[in-house]
């Protein structure tokens, strides 16, 4: 059995942005020194001011603190941790794929995996907060389809510099994408979600299900 550590990257009145760097550094180094297998960070780009009113079952008194959504960008945070550690694995829990550009995202993921010496574990999800999608110009109703194509492209391109891909949302015909993963490694994908589509996605693209 392997154990990982979920790192908060959220800013709050009791844990400010200026304290995040020191916390992430200390927590990651201690986790590695104590023999934990991995550290994990979450993903949130933006959220409604009145999130507790819109989602009372999840946020508010007696529920999750809305300030927990003040989250630093996941891949950049893991890049920082990668530069301060040697062997601990680096996970996203989970990266919301549908509103990320799949070409740039694949490049960022492959780059992080190369620079960290193959330590990335890519936990992914489709997202659930419609307001976040609307603000980012992404189609909430198509998030599952976009995620599937994103994963299909990622599985073909992370170790291939000339991924010939023609889909509904992605077209790379005649284009090159760099870098490739070291040793043609397939980055392990952990698929989050509790729907039937998430389970199918796990079987088709995933190395594991992320509950």
N, C-alpha and C. Protein backbone atom coordinates (compact mmCIF):
# COMPACT_ATOMS: atom_id res chain seq x y z
N UNK A 1 0.83 -1.18 0.00
CA UNK A 1 0.00 0.00 0.00
C UNK A 1 0.88 1.25 0.00
N UNK A 2 0.49 2.24 -0.80
CA UNK A 2 1.23 3.49 -0.88
C UNK A 2 0.36 4.64 -0.36
N UNK A 3 1.01 5.62 0.25
CA UNK A 3 0.30 6.75 0.83
C UNK A 3 0.80 8.05 0.21
N UNK A 4 -0.15 8.95 -0.05
CA UNK A 4 0.18 10.27 -0.56
C UNK A 4 -0.36 11.35 0.35
N UNK A 5 0.07 12.57 0.12
CA UNK A 5 -0.32 13.71 0.95
C UNK A 5 -1.00 14.76 0.08
N UNK A 6 -2.23 15.15 0.46
CA UNK A 6 -2.94 16.22 -0.23
C UNK A 6 -2.46 17.55 0.33
N UNK A 7 -1.89 18.38 -0.51
CA UNK A 7 -1.38 19.68 -0.09
C UNK A 7 -2.41 20.76 -0.40
N UNK A 8 -2.76 21.55 0.59
CA UNK A 8 -3.63 22.69 0.30
C UNK A 8 -2.81 23.80 -0.33
N UNK A 9 -3.34 24.38 -1.39
CA UNK A 9 -2.72 25.57 -1.97
C UNK A 9 -3.68 26.75 -1.88
N UNK A 10 -4.66 26.64 -0.99
CA UNK A 10 -5.68 27.67 -0.87
C UNK A 10 -5.23 28.78 0.08
N UNK A 11 -5.58 30.01 -0.28
CA UNK A 11 -5.32 31.15 0.58
C UNK A 11 -6.57 31.46 1.40
N UNK A 12 -6.39 31.83 2.64
CA UNK A 12 -7.50 32.16 3.53
C UNK A 12 -7.00 33.20 4.53
N UNK A 13 -7.91 33.76 5.34
CA UNK A 13 -7.45 34.73 6.35
C UNK A 13 -6.39 34.19 7.30
N UNK A 14 -6.39 32.87 7.51
CA UNK A 14 -5.41 32.30 8.44
C UNK A 14 -4.22 31.67 7.71
N UNK A 15 -4.25 31.68 6.39
CA UNK A 15 -3.17 31.08 5.62
C UNK A 15 -3.03 31.87 4.32
N UNK A 16 -2.22 32.90 4.34
CA UNK A 16 -2.17 33.86 3.25
C UNK A 16 -1.31 33.38 2.08
N UNK A 17 -1.44 34.09 0.97
CA UNK A 17 -0.65 33.77 -0.21
C UNK A 17 0.85 33.80 0.09
N UNK A 18 1.26 34.76 0.90
CA UNK A 18 2.69 34.91 1.18
C UNK A 18 3.26 33.74 1.97
N UNK A 19 2.38 32.97 2.62
CA UNK A 19 2.83 31.81 3.39
C UNK A 19 2.83 30.51 2.58
N UNK A 20 2.23 30.55 1.40
CA UNK A 20 2.07 29.33 0.62
C UNK A 20 3.40 28.72 0.19
N UNK A 21 4.32 29.56 -0.26
CA UNK A 21 5.59 29.04 -0.76
C UNK A 21 6.32 28.25 0.32
N UNK A 22 6.42 28.83 1.51
CA UNK A 22 7.13 28.15 2.60
C UNK A 22 6.41 26.88 3.01
N UNK A 23 5.06 26.94 3.04
CA UNK A 23 4.30 25.75 3.42
C UNK A 23 4.51 24.62 2.41
N UNK A 24 4.37 24.93 1.12
CA UNK A 24 4.51 23.90 0.09
C UNK A 24 5.91 23.28 0.12
N UNK A 25 6.90 24.12 0.31
CA UNK A 25 8.27 23.62 0.36
C UNK A 25 8.47 22.70 1.56
N UNK A 26 8.04 23.15 2.73
CA UNK A 26 8.24 22.36 3.94
C UNK A 26 7.43 21.07 3.90
N UNK A 27 6.16 21.17 3.50
CA UNK A 27 5.30 19.99 3.48
C UNK A 27 5.79 18.95 2.47
N UNK A 28 6.26 19.40 1.32
CA UNK A 28 6.75 18.47 0.30
C UNK A 28 8.04 17.80 0.74
N UNK A 29 8.95 18.56 1.31
CA UNK A 29 10.22 17.99 1.77
C UNK A 29 10.01 17.01 2.91
N UNK A 30 9.11 17.34 3.84
CA UNK A 30 8.82 16.42 4.95
C UNK A 30 8.16 15.15 4.42
N UNK A 31 7.21 15.30 3.50
CA UNK A 31 6.53 14.14 2.93
C UNK A 31 7.52 13.20 2.26
N UNK A 32 8.46 13.76 1.53
CA UNK A 32 9.47 12.94 0.87
C UNK A 32 10.38 12.27 1.89
N UNK A 33 10.82 13.03 2.89
CA UNK A 33 11.73 12.49 3.90
C UNK A 33 11.07 11.37 4.72
N UNK A 34 9.76 11.48 4.92
CA UNK A 34 9.04 10.47 5.71
C UNK A 34 8.64 9.25 4.88
N UNK A 35 8.94 9.27 3.60
CA UNK A 35 8.68 8.10 2.78
C UNK A 35 7.33 8.04 2.10
N UNK A 36 6.58 9.15 2.12
CA UNK A 36 5.31 9.15 1.38
C UNK A 36 5.58 9.04 -0.11
N UNK A 37 4.65 8.40 -0.81
CA UNK A 37 4.85 8.11 -2.23
C UNK A 37 4.59 9.31 -3.12
N UNK A 38 3.67 10.20 -2.69
CA UNK A 38 3.24 11.27 -3.58
C UNK A 38 2.69 12.46 -2.81
N UNK A 39 2.67 13.61 -3.48
CA UNK A 39 1.95 14.79 -3.00
C UNK A 39 0.99 15.22 -4.10
N UNK A 40 -0.14 15.82 -3.69
CA UNK A 40 -1.22 16.12 -4.63
C UNK A 40 -1.72 17.55 -4.43
N UNK A 41 -2.07 18.20 -5.54
CA UNK A 41 -2.66 19.54 -5.48
C UNK A 41 -3.95 19.56 -6.30
N UNK A 42 -4.82 20.49 -5.95
CA UNK A 42 -6.13 20.60 -6.60
C UNK A 42 -6.11 21.64 -7.71
N UNK A 43 -7.24 21.78 -8.38
CA UNK A 43 -7.36 22.69 -9.52
C UNK A 43 -8.65 23.49 -9.42
N UNK A 44 -8.53 24.79 -9.44
CA UNK A 44 -9.68 25.68 -9.53
C UNK A 44 -9.19 26.99 -10.12
N UNK A 45 -9.82 27.48 -11.17
CA UNK A 45 -9.38 28.72 -11.79
C UNK A 45 -10.07 29.93 -11.17
N UNK A 46 -11.38 29.89 -11.09
CA UNK A 46 -12.13 30.96 -10.44
C UNK A 46 -13.48 30.42 -10.03
N UNK A 47 -14.19 31.17 -9.18
CA UNK A 47 -15.47 30.69 -8.66
C UNK A 47 -16.34 31.88 -8.26
N UNK A 48 -17.66 31.68 -8.11
CA UNK A 48 -18.56 32.79 -7.80
C UNK A 48 -18.31 33.38 -6.41
N UNK A 49 -18.50 34.68 -6.29
CA UNK A 49 -18.39 35.34 -4.98
C UNK A 49 -19.37 34.73 -3.98
N UNK A 50 -20.55 34.37 -4.47
CA UNK A 50 -21.60 33.84 -3.59
C UNK A 50 -21.69 32.32 -3.69
N UNK A 51 -20.56 31.65 -3.70
CA UNK A 51 -20.53 30.21 -3.91
C UNK A 51 -21.31 29.45 -2.84
N UNK A 52 -21.28 29.94 -1.59
CA UNK A 52 -22.00 29.26 -0.52
C UNK A 52 -23.51 29.34 -0.74
N UNK A 53 -23.98 30.44 -1.31
CA UNK A 53 -25.41 30.59 -1.60
C UNK A 53 -25.82 29.71 -2.78
N UNK A 54 -24.97 29.62 -3.77
CA UNK A 54 -25.29 28.83 -4.96
C UNK A 54 -25.17 27.32 -4.71
N UNK A 55 -24.23 26.96 -3.83
CA UNK A 55 -23.97 25.54 -3.57
C UNK A 55 -23.98 25.27 -2.06
N UNK A 56 -25.15 25.43 -1.42
CA UNK A 56 -25.23 25.30 0.04
C UNK A 56 -24.94 23.89 0.55
N UNK A 57 -25.11 22.88 -0.30
CA UNK A 57 -24.84 21.52 0.14
C UNK A 57 -23.34 21.24 0.25
N UNK A 58 -22.54 22.09 -0.37
CA UNK A 58 -21.09 21.87 -0.39
C UNK A 58 -20.30 22.91 0.40
N UNK A 59 -20.80 24.14 0.43
CA UNK A 59 -20.05 25.23 1.03
C UNK A 59 -20.91 25.99 2.04
N UNK A 60 -20.25 26.60 3.01
CA UNK A 60 -20.96 27.40 3.98
C UNK A 60 -20.83 26.84 5.38
N UNK A 61 -21.66 27.33 6.32
CA UNK A 61 -21.57 26.90 7.72
C UNK A 61 -21.67 25.39 7.86
N UNK A 62 -20.70 24.80 8.52
CA UNK A 62 -20.68 23.36 8.72
C UNK A 62 -20.25 22.57 7.50
N UNK A 63 -19.98 23.26 6.41
CA UNK A 63 -19.55 22.60 5.17
C UNK A 63 -18.12 23.04 4.84
N UNK A 64 -17.73 22.83 3.59
CA UNK A 64 -16.40 23.24 3.15
C UNK A 64 -16.28 24.76 3.15
N UNK A 65 -15.18 25.26 3.65
CA UNK A 65 -14.91 26.70 3.67
C UNK A 65 -14.76 27.21 2.23
N UNK A 66 -15.55 28.23 1.83
CA UNK A 66 -15.40 28.77 0.47
C UNK A 66 -13.97 29.21 0.17
N UNK A 67 -13.24 29.65 1.19
CA UNK A 67 -11.85 30.06 0.96
C UNK A 67 -10.98 28.92 0.46
N UNK A 68 -11.45 27.69 0.62
CA UNK A 68 -10.67 26.55 0.14
C UNK A 68 -10.55 26.54 -1.38
N UNK A 69 -11.36 27.37 -2.06
CA UNK A 69 -11.31 27.44 -3.52
C UNK A 69 -10.31 28.47 -4.03
N UNK A 70 -9.65 29.19 -3.12
CA UNK A 70 -8.61 30.15 -3.51
C UNK A 70 -7.32 29.38 -3.82
N UNK A 71 -7.31 28.68 -4.93
CA UNK A 71 -6.28 27.68 -5.20
C UNK A 71 -5.26 28.18 -6.22
N UNK A 72 -3.99 27.92 -5.95
CA UNK A 72 -2.93 28.23 -6.91
C UNK A 72 -3.00 27.29 -8.11
N UNK A 73 -2.46 27.74 -9.24
CA UNK A 73 -2.49 26.92 -10.45
C UNK A 73 -1.71 25.63 -10.23
N UNK A 74 -2.32 24.52 -10.62
CA UNK A 74 -1.82 23.20 -10.23
C UNK A 74 -0.49 22.83 -10.87
N UNK A 75 -0.36 22.96 -12.18
CA UNK A 75 0.85 22.49 -12.85
C UNK A 75 2.06 23.35 -12.50
N UNK A 76 1.85 24.65 -12.35
CA UNK A 76 2.96 25.52 -11.94
C UNK A 76 3.38 25.20 -10.51
N UNK A 77 2.42 24.93 -9.65
CA UNK A 77 2.74 24.55 -8.27
C UNK A 77 3.56 23.27 -8.24
N UNK A 78 3.17 22.28 -9.03
CA UNK A 78 3.93 21.02 -9.06
C UNK A 78 5.32 21.22 -9.65
N UNK A 79 5.45 22.16 -10.58
CA UNK A 79 6.78 22.46 -11.12
C UNK A 79 7.69 23.01 -10.04
N UNK A 80 7.14 23.87 -9.19
CA UNK A 80 7.91 24.40 -8.06
C UNK A 80 8.33 23.28 -7.12
N UNK A 81 7.40 22.41 -6.80
CA UNK A 81 7.70 21.29 -5.89
C UNK A 81 8.73 20.35 -6.52
N UNK A 82 8.61 20.13 -7.82
CA UNK A 82 9.56 19.24 -8.51
C UNK A 82 10.99 19.74 -8.37
N UNK A 83 11.16 21.06 -8.40
CA UNK A 83 12.49 21.62 -8.30
C UNK A 83 13.07 21.58 -6.90
N UNK A 84 12.23 21.27 -5.91
CA UNK A 84 12.66 21.26 -4.52
C UNK A 84 12.72 19.86 -3.93
N UNK A 85 12.36 18.86 -4.72
CA UNK A 85 12.34 17.47 -4.25
C UNK A 85 13.10 16.59 -5.24
N UNK A 86 13.29 15.32 -4.86
CA UNK A 86 14.10 14.43 -5.69
C UNK A 86 13.34 13.24 -6.25
N UNK A 87 12.44 12.67 -5.46
CA UNK A 87 11.85 11.40 -5.89
C UNK A 87 10.35 11.28 -5.66
N UNK A 88 9.77 12.11 -4.84
CA UNK A 88 8.35 11.97 -4.54
C UNK A 88 7.53 12.26 -5.80
N UNK A 89 6.47 11.47 -6.01
CA UNK A 89 5.62 11.66 -7.18
C UNK A 89 4.72 12.88 -7.00
N UNK A 90 4.32 13.46 -8.12
CA UNK A 90 3.59 14.73 -8.15
C UNK A 90 2.25 14.52 -8.83
N UNK A 91 1.15 14.73 -8.09
CA UNK A 91 -0.16 14.43 -8.64
C UNK A 91 -1.11 15.61 -8.67
N UNK A 92 -2.01 15.61 -9.66
CA UNK A 92 -3.11 16.57 -9.71
C UNK A 92 -4.38 15.88 -9.27
N UNK A 93 -5.15 16.56 -8.43
CA UNK A 93 -6.32 15.94 -7.81
C UNK A 93 -7.51 16.91 -7.77
N UNK A 94 -8.15 17.09 -8.90
CA UNK A 94 -7.83 16.63 -10.25
C UNK A 94 -7.72 17.85 -11.16
N UNK A 95 -7.03 17.67 -12.30
CA UNK A 95 -6.92 18.74 -13.29
C UNK A 95 -8.17 18.73 -14.16
N UNK A 96 -8.84 19.88 -14.24
CA UNK A 96 -10.07 19.98 -15.04
C UNK A 96 -9.67 20.20 -16.50
N UNK A 97 -9.90 19.19 -17.33
CA UNK A 97 -9.42 19.24 -18.71
C UNK A 97 -10.25 20.09 -19.66
N UNK A 98 -11.59 20.12 -19.57
CA UNK A 98 -12.38 20.68 -20.68
C UNK A 98 -12.16 22.15 -20.97
N UNK A 99 -11.74 22.95 -19.99
CA UNK A 99 -11.51 24.36 -20.33
C UNK A 99 -10.03 24.69 -20.49
N UNK A 100 -9.19 23.67 -20.57
CA UNK A 100 -7.76 23.87 -20.87
C UNK A 100 -7.50 23.56 -22.35
N UNK A 101 -6.71 24.40 -22.99
CA UNK A 101 -6.35 24.13 -24.38
C UNK A 101 -5.58 22.81 -24.44
N UNK A 102 -6.05 21.83 -25.20
CA UNK A 102 -5.43 20.51 -25.16
C UNK A 102 -4.00 20.48 -25.68
N UNK A 103 -3.66 21.34 -26.64
CA UNK A 103 -2.30 21.36 -27.18
C UNK A 103 -1.33 21.95 -26.16
N UNK A 104 -1.68 23.12 -25.64
CA UNK A 104 -0.82 23.74 -24.63
C UNK A 104 -0.75 22.88 -23.37
N UNK A 105 -1.88 22.30 -22.99
CA UNK A 105 -1.91 21.47 -21.79
C UNK A 105 -1.02 20.23 -21.95
N UNK A 106 -1.06 19.59 -23.12
CA UNK A 106 -0.21 18.44 -23.37
C UNK A 106 1.26 18.83 -23.30
N UNK A 107 1.60 19.98 -23.85
CA UNK A 107 2.98 20.47 -23.80
C UNK A 107 3.41 20.71 -22.36
N UNK A 108 2.54 21.33 -21.56
CA UNK A 108 2.87 21.61 -20.16
C UNK A 108 3.03 20.31 -19.36
N UNK A 109 2.15 19.37 -19.60
CA UNK A 109 2.20 18.09 -18.88
C UNK A 109 3.48 17.33 -19.23
N UNK A 110 3.79 17.24 -20.51
CA UNK A 110 5.00 16.53 -20.93
C UNK A 110 6.25 17.22 -20.41
N UNK A 111 6.26 18.55 -20.44
CA UNK A 111 7.40 19.31 -19.93
C UNK A 111 7.61 19.04 -18.45
N UNK A 112 6.54 19.08 -17.68
CA UNK A 112 6.64 18.82 -16.25
C UNK A 112 7.14 17.41 -15.98
N UNK A 113 6.66 16.45 -16.75
CA UNK A 113 7.10 15.07 -16.54
C UNK A 113 8.59 14.90 -16.87
N UNK A 114 9.06 15.56 -17.92
CA UNK A 114 10.48 15.49 -18.28
C UNK A 114 11.33 16.15 -17.21
N UNK A 115 10.97 17.37 -16.80
CA UNK A 115 11.79 18.12 -15.84
C UNK A 115 11.77 17.50 -14.45
N UNK A 116 10.73 16.74 -14.14
CA UNK A 116 10.66 16.09 -12.82
C UNK A 116 11.20 14.67 -12.84
N UNK A 117 11.78 14.25 -13.96
CA UNK A 117 12.29 12.87 -14.09
C UNK A 117 11.18 11.84 -13.93
N UNK A 118 10.11 12.04 -14.67
CA UNK A 118 9.02 11.07 -14.79
C UNK A 118 8.28 10.86 -13.47
N UNK A 119 7.96 11.93 -12.79
CA UNK A 119 7.29 11.80 -11.49
C UNK A 119 5.82 12.20 -11.52
N UNK A 120 5.30 12.62 -12.65
CA UNK A 120 3.93 13.14 -12.70
C UNK A 120 2.90 12.01 -12.71
N UNK A 121 1.86 12.19 -11.90
CA UNK A 121 0.63 11.38 -11.97
C UNK A 121 -0.49 12.35 -12.33
N UNK A 122 -1.13 12.13 -13.45
CA UNK A 122 -2.12 13.08 -13.95
C UNK A 122 -3.53 12.65 -13.55
N UNK A 123 -4.02 13.21 -12.45
CA UNK A 123 -5.41 13.03 -12.08
C UNK A 123 -6.25 14.03 -12.85
N UNK A 124 -7.30 13.56 -13.52
CA UNK A 124 -8.10 14.46 -14.37
C UNK A 124 -9.59 14.34 -14.03
N UNK A 125 -10.33 15.39 -14.37
CA UNK A 125 -11.77 15.38 -14.21
C UNK A 125 -12.42 16.27 -15.25
N UNK A 126 -13.75 16.21 -15.31
CA UNK A 126 -14.48 17.02 -16.29
C UNK A 126 -14.94 18.35 -15.72
N UNK A 127 -14.84 18.52 -14.39
CA UNK A 127 -15.33 19.75 -13.78
C UNK A 127 -16.82 19.67 -13.47
N UNK A 128 -17.27 20.56 -12.61
CA UNK A 128 -18.68 20.51 -12.22
C UNK A 128 -19.30 21.90 -12.02
N UNK A 129 -18.49 22.95 -11.97
CA UNK A 129 -19.00 24.28 -11.67
C UNK A 129 -19.26 25.04 -12.98
N UNK A 130 -20.54 25.16 -13.35
CA UNK A 130 -20.89 25.76 -14.64
C UNK A 130 -20.40 27.19 -14.74
N UNK A 131 -20.45 27.93 -13.65
CA UNK A 131 -20.03 29.33 -13.67
C UNK A 131 -18.56 29.46 -14.09
N UNK A 132 -17.76 28.51 -13.67
CA UNK A 132 -16.34 28.54 -14.03
C UNK A 132 -16.18 28.35 -15.54
N UNK A 133 -16.93 27.41 -16.11
CA UNK A 133 -16.89 27.18 -17.55
C UNK A 133 -17.34 28.42 -18.31
N UNK A 134 -18.45 29.02 -17.87
CA UNK A 134 -18.99 30.19 -18.55
C UNK A 134 -17.96 31.33 -18.57
N UNK A 135 -17.29 31.54 -17.45
CA UNK A 135 -16.31 32.62 -17.37
C UNK A 135 -15.11 32.38 -18.27
N UNK A 136 -14.80 31.11 -18.52
CA UNK A 136 -13.63 30.78 -19.33
C UNK A 136 -13.98 30.51 -20.79
N UNK A 137 -15.25 30.73 -21.15
CA UNK A 137 -15.65 30.56 -22.54
C UNK A 137 -15.70 29.12 -23.00
N UNK A 138 -15.92 28.21 -22.06
CA UNK A 138 -15.98 26.78 -22.39
C UNK A 138 -17.42 26.29 -22.30
N UNK A 139 -17.74 25.29 -23.11
CA UNK A 139 -19.10 24.76 -23.18
C UNK A 139 -19.29 23.69 -22.10
N UNK A 140 -20.03 24.03 -21.08
CA UNK A 140 -20.24 23.11 -19.96
C UNK A 140 -20.94 21.84 -20.41
N UNK A 141 -21.87 21.96 -21.35
CA UNK A 141 -22.65 20.80 -21.79
C UNK A 141 -21.82 19.80 -22.59
N UNK A 142 -20.69 20.25 -23.12
CA UNK A 142 -19.84 19.38 -23.95
C UNK A 142 -18.59 18.91 -23.19
N UNK A 143 -18.56 19.14 -21.89
CA UNK A 143 -17.31 18.89 -21.15
C UNK A 143 -16.87 17.42 -21.21
N UNK A 144 -17.81 16.49 -21.22
CA UNK A 144 -17.45 15.08 -21.30
C UNK A 144 -16.83 14.73 -22.65
N UNK A 145 -17.44 15.21 -23.73
CA UNK A 145 -16.92 14.94 -25.07
C UNK A 145 -15.54 15.57 -25.26
N UNK A 146 -15.39 16.81 -24.77
CA UNK A 146 -14.10 17.49 -24.88
C UNK A 146 -13.03 16.75 -24.08
N UNK A 147 -13.40 16.28 -22.90
CA UNK A 147 -12.45 15.53 -22.07
C UNK A 147 -12.01 14.25 -22.77
N UNK A 148 -12.94 13.53 -23.37
CA UNK A 148 -12.59 12.29 -24.06
C UNK A 148 -11.61 12.55 -25.20
N UNK A 149 -11.85 13.60 -25.98
CA UNK A 149 -10.94 13.89 -27.08
C UNK A 149 -9.59 14.37 -26.55
N UNK A 150 -9.62 15.15 -25.49
CA UNK A 150 -8.39 15.62 -24.85
C UNK A 150 -7.54 14.42 -24.42
N UNK A 151 -8.17 13.44 -23.79
CA UNK A 151 -7.45 12.25 -23.33
C UNK A 151 -6.95 11.41 -24.50
N UNK A 152 -7.77 11.30 -25.53
CA UNK A 152 -7.37 10.55 -26.71
C UNK A 152 -6.13 11.16 -27.34
N UNK A 153 -6.14 12.48 -27.46
CA UNK A 153 -4.98 13.18 -28.03
C UNK A 153 -3.76 13.04 -27.12
N UNK A 154 -3.96 13.21 -25.83
CA UNK A 154 -2.85 13.11 -24.88
C UNK A 154 -2.19 11.74 -24.94
N UNK A 155 -2.99 10.71 -25.05
CA UNK A 155 -2.44 9.35 -25.08
C UNK A 155 -1.62 9.08 -26.33
N UNK A 156 -1.92 9.81 -27.41
CA UNK A 156 -1.19 9.61 -28.66
C UNK A 156 0.00 10.55 -28.82
N UNK A 157 -0.01 11.67 -28.12
CA UNK A 157 0.94 12.74 -28.43
C UNK A 157 2.06 12.94 -27.43
N UNK A 158 1.88 12.52 -26.18
CA UNK A 158 2.89 12.84 -25.17
C UNK A 158 4.23 12.18 -25.47
N UNK A 159 4.22 11.08 -26.22
CA UNK A 159 5.47 10.40 -26.57
C UNK A 159 5.70 10.38 -28.08
N UNK A 160 5.01 11.28 -28.81
CA UNK A 160 5.10 11.31 -30.27
C UNK A 160 5.21 12.75 -30.72
N UNK A 161 6.32 13.11 -31.38
CA UNK A 161 6.54 14.51 -31.77
C UNK A 161 5.68 14.93 -32.95
N UNK A 162 5.14 13.98 -33.70
CA UNK A 162 4.31 14.32 -34.87
C UNK A 162 2.97 13.61 -34.76
N UNK A 163 2.16 14.02 -33.81
CA UNK A 163 0.88 13.34 -33.60
C UNK A 163 -0.16 13.75 -34.64
N UNK A 164 -0.40 12.89 -35.61
CA UNK A 164 -1.42 13.18 -36.62
C UNK A 164 -2.78 12.94 -35.98
N UNK A 165 -3.47 14.01 -35.67
CA UNK A 165 -4.75 13.86 -34.98
C UNK A 165 -5.77 14.81 -35.60
N UNK A 166 -6.90 14.26 -35.98
CA UNK A 166 -7.99 15.05 -36.50
C UNK A 166 -9.27 14.65 -35.77
N UNK A 167 -9.73 15.55 -34.93
CA UNK A 167 -10.94 15.31 -34.18
C UNK A 167 -11.89 16.48 -34.34
N UNK A 168 -12.92 16.49 -33.55
CA UNK A 168 -13.88 17.59 -33.60
C UNK A 168 -13.31 18.86 -32.99
N UNK A 169 -12.47 18.71 -31.98
CA UNK A 169 -11.94 19.86 -31.26
C UNK A 169 -10.44 20.05 -31.45
N UNK A 170 -9.74 19.04 -31.96
CA UNK A 170 -8.28 19.08 -32.09
C UNK A 170 -7.89 18.67 -33.49
N UNK A 171 -6.98 19.44 -34.11
CA UNK A 171 -6.45 19.09 -35.42
C UNK A 171 -4.97 19.46 -35.46
N UNK A 172 -4.10 18.45 -35.56
CA UNK A 172 -2.66 18.70 -35.57
C UNK A 172 -2.00 18.18 -36.84
N UNK A 173 -2.76 18.03 -37.89
CA UNK A 173 -2.22 17.50 -39.14
C UNK A 173 -1.05 18.36 -39.63
N UNK A 174 0.11 17.71 -39.87
CA UNK A 174 1.28 18.42 -40.38
C UNK A 174 2.02 19.25 -39.36
N UNK A 175 1.69 19.09 -38.08
CA UNK A 175 2.31 19.89 -37.02
C UNK A 175 3.18 19.01 -36.13
N UNK A 176 4.14 19.65 -35.43
CA UNK A 176 5.00 18.95 -34.49
C UNK A 176 4.76 19.49 -33.09
N UNK A 177 4.88 18.62 -32.11
CA UNK A 177 4.66 19.01 -30.71
C UNK A 177 5.83 18.49 -29.87
N UNK A 178 6.42 19.37 -29.08
CA UNK A 178 7.59 19.04 -28.28
C UNK A 178 7.38 19.59 -26.87
N UNK A 179 7.90 18.93 -25.82
CA UNK A 179 8.74 17.73 -25.82
C UNK A 179 7.92 16.44 -25.76
N UNK A 180 8.59 15.34 -26.03
CA UNK A 180 8.01 14.03 -25.77
C UNK A 180 8.46 13.57 -24.39
N UNK A 181 7.72 12.66 -23.83
CA UNK A 181 8.11 12.13 -22.53
C UNK A 181 9.39 11.29 -22.66
N UNK A 182 10.13 11.18 -21.57
CA UNK A 182 11.35 10.39 -21.56
C UNK A 182 11.01 8.91 -21.75
N UNK A 183 11.82 8.24 -22.55
CA UNK A 183 11.66 6.79 -22.76
C UNK A 183 10.27 6.42 -23.28
N UNK A 184 9.66 7.37 -24.01
CA UNK A 184 8.30 7.16 -24.55
C UNK A 184 7.30 6.77 -23.46
N UNK A 185 7.50 7.31 -22.28
CA UNK A 185 6.64 6.97 -21.15
C UNK A 185 5.22 7.44 -21.36
N UNK A 186 4.27 6.60 -21.00
CA UNK A 186 2.86 7.00 -20.94
C UNK A 186 2.59 7.51 -19.54
N UNK A 187 2.31 8.79 -19.43
CA UNK A 187 2.05 9.38 -18.12
C UNK A 187 0.81 8.72 -17.52
N UNK A 188 0.89 8.21 -16.29
CA UNK A 188 -0.28 7.56 -15.69
C UNK A 188 -1.42 8.55 -15.47
N UNK A 189 -2.59 8.19 -15.97
CA UNK A 189 -3.78 9.03 -15.86
C UNK A 189 -4.74 8.39 -14.87
N UNK A 190 -5.11 9.16 -13.87
CA UNK A 190 -6.11 8.73 -12.89
C UNK A 190 -7.38 9.52 -13.17
N UNK A 191 -8.44 8.83 -13.48
CA UNK A 191 -9.68 9.49 -13.90
C UNK A 191 -10.61 9.67 -12.71
N UNK A 192 -10.99 10.92 -12.47
CA UNK A 192 -11.92 11.23 -11.39
C UNK A 192 -13.35 11.25 -11.87
N UNK A 193 -14.29 11.04 -10.94
CA UNK A 193 -15.70 11.09 -11.28
C UNK A 193 -16.44 9.84 -10.84
N UNK A 194 -17.74 9.98 -10.65
CA UNK A 194 -18.57 8.87 -10.17
C UNK A 194 -19.67 8.48 -11.15
N UNK A 195 -19.63 9.02 -12.36
CA UNK A 195 -20.66 8.70 -13.35
C UNK A 195 -20.25 7.48 -14.16
N UNK A 196 -21.21 6.93 -14.90
CA UNK A 196 -20.90 5.82 -15.79
C UNK A 196 -19.85 6.21 -16.83
N UNK A 197 -19.96 7.46 -17.33
CA UNK A 197 -19.00 7.93 -18.32
C UNK A 197 -17.60 7.99 -17.72
N UNK A 198 -17.50 8.37 -16.45
CA UNK A 198 -16.19 8.43 -15.80
C UNK A 198 -15.58 7.05 -15.69
N UNK A 199 -16.40 6.06 -15.38
CA UNK A 199 -15.89 4.69 -15.27
C UNK A 199 -15.44 4.16 -16.64
N UNK A 200 -16.22 4.47 -17.67
CA UNK A 200 -15.83 4.07 -19.03
C UNK A 200 -14.53 4.76 -19.42
N UNK A 201 -14.43 6.04 -19.08
CA UNK A 201 -13.21 6.81 -19.36
C UNK A 201 -12.01 6.20 -18.65
N UNK A 202 -12.22 5.72 -17.45
CA UNK A 202 -11.14 5.09 -16.68
C UNK A 202 -10.63 3.85 -17.38
N UNK A 203 -11.56 3.01 -17.82
CA UNK A 203 -11.18 1.77 -18.50
C UNK A 203 -10.45 2.07 -19.81
N UNK A 204 -10.90 3.08 -20.53
CA UNK A 204 -10.37 3.37 -21.86
C UNK A 204 -9.02 4.08 -21.80
N UNK A 205 -8.89 5.04 -20.88
CA UNK A 205 -7.69 5.89 -20.88
C UNK A 205 -6.87 5.83 -19.59
N UNK A 206 -7.46 5.33 -18.53
CA UNK A 206 -6.85 5.50 -17.23
C UNK A 206 -5.95 4.37 -16.77
N UNK A 207 -5.00 4.74 -15.92
CA UNK A 207 -4.21 3.75 -15.19
C UNK A 207 -4.87 3.42 -13.87
N UNK A 208 -5.78 4.31 -13.43
CA UNK A 208 -6.48 4.11 -12.16
C UNK A 208 -7.70 5.01 -12.12
N UNK A 209 -8.63 4.67 -11.23
CA UNK A 209 -9.78 5.53 -10.94
C UNK A 209 -9.45 6.36 -9.72
N UNK A 210 -9.75 7.65 -9.80
CA UNK A 210 -9.46 8.58 -8.70
C UNK A 210 -10.77 8.95 -8.03
N UNK A 211 -11.05 8.32 -6.89
CA UNK A 211 -12.31 8.54 -6.21
C UNK A 211 -12.36 9.81 -5.42
